[in-house]
Amino acid sequence: MRKIKIFKGIESELFPLEDEVNRWLDETGNELISVTGNIAPQSEGAVTMGSFSASDVLLIVVYEEKQ
């Protein structure tokens, strides 16, 4: 049976998010079907001192649960 798992991180910390997903796959032994991602850009109101706040990153992982 296919299931989903959602991972959330921030744009400035993509490598730790990748590590989290890979570690979860290794630990569970689940079969990866697909990954879909989205970056939610921050509004102009989030600008401070000439730089933008990091955007939220959402990953939706579709997997087949290990039997």
Protein backbone atom coordinates (compact mmCIF):
# COMPACT_ATOMS: atom_id res chain seq x y z
CA MET A 1 0.00 0.00 0.00
CA ARG A 2 1.40 3.40 -0.97
CA LYS A 3 1.67 6.07 1.70
CA ILE A 4 3.00 9.61 2.03
CA LYS A 5 5.33 11.32 4.47
CA ILE A 6 5.86 15.08 4.61
CA PHE A 7 9.18 16.67 5.51
CA LYS A 8 9.57 20.39 6.23
CA GLY A 9 12.71 22.48 6.29
CA ILE A 10 14.08 25.84 5.27
CA GLU A 11 15.83 26.90 2.10
CA SER A 12 19.11 27.71 3.81
CA GLU A 13 19.34 24.20 5.31
CA LEU A 14 18.70 21.88 2.34
CA PHE A 15 21.55 19.43 3.07
CA PRO A 16 20.23 18.57 6.56
CA LEU A 17 16.77 18.06 5.02
CA GLU A 18 18.24 15.69 2.41
CA ASP A 19 20.06 13.84 5.19
CA GLU A 20 16.81 13.53 7.18
CA VAL A 21 14.94 12.01 4.23
CA ASN A 22 17.80 9.64 3.33
CA ARG A 23 18.23 8.56 6.96
CA TRP A 24 14.48 7.88 7.26
CA LEU A 25 14.54 5.76 4.09
CA ASP A 26 17.60 3.82 5.31
CA GLU A 27 16.11 3.22 8.77
CA THR A 28 12.69 2.11 7.58
CA GLY A 29 13.72 0.19 4.48
CA ASN A 30 10.66 1.62 2.70
CA GLU A 31 10.72 1.77 -1.10
CA LEU A 32 10.77 5.30 -2.48
CA ILE A 33 8.18 5.89 -5.22
CA SER A 34 8.48 9.66 -5.75
CA VAL A 35 9.43 12.97 -4.16
CA THR A 36 7.69 16.26 -4.86
CA GLY A 37 8.92 19.54 -3.46
CA ASN A 38 7.80 23.11 -3.03
CA ILE A 39 9.50 26.29 -1.85
CA ALA A 40 7.20 28.87 -0.28
CA PRO A 41 8.84 32.25 -0.93
CA GLN A 42 8.73 34.80 1.84
CA SER A 43 6.81 37.99 1.27
CA GLU A 44 8.50 41.37 0.83
CA GLY A 45 7.53 42.12 4.42
CA ALA A 46 10.10 39.54 5.53
CA VAL A 47 13.04 41.64 4.30
CA THR A 48 15.33 42.72 7.10
CA MET A 49 18.50 44.72 6.69
CA GLY A 50 18.60 44.13 2.92
CA SER A 51 18.34 40.32 3.03
CA PHE A 52 15.45 37.91 2.77
CA SER A 53 14.37 35.40 5.39
CA ALA A 54 14.85 31.79 4.36
CA SER A 55 11.88 30.28 2.53
CA ASP A 56 10.07 27.18 3.77
CA VAL A 57 10.70 23.94 1.88
CA LEU A 58 8.15 21.14 1.83
CA LEU A 59 8.93 17.64 0.53
CA ILE A 60 6.20 15.07 -0.04
CA VAL A 61 7.58 11.55 -0.20
CA VAL A 62 5.45 8.78 -1.69
CA TYR A 63 6.63 5.36 -0.56
CA GLU A 64 5.69 1.72 -0.37
CA GLU A 65 5.80 0.47 3.18
CA LYS A 66 8.26 -2.36 3.84
CA GLN A 67 6.41 -5.64 4.37
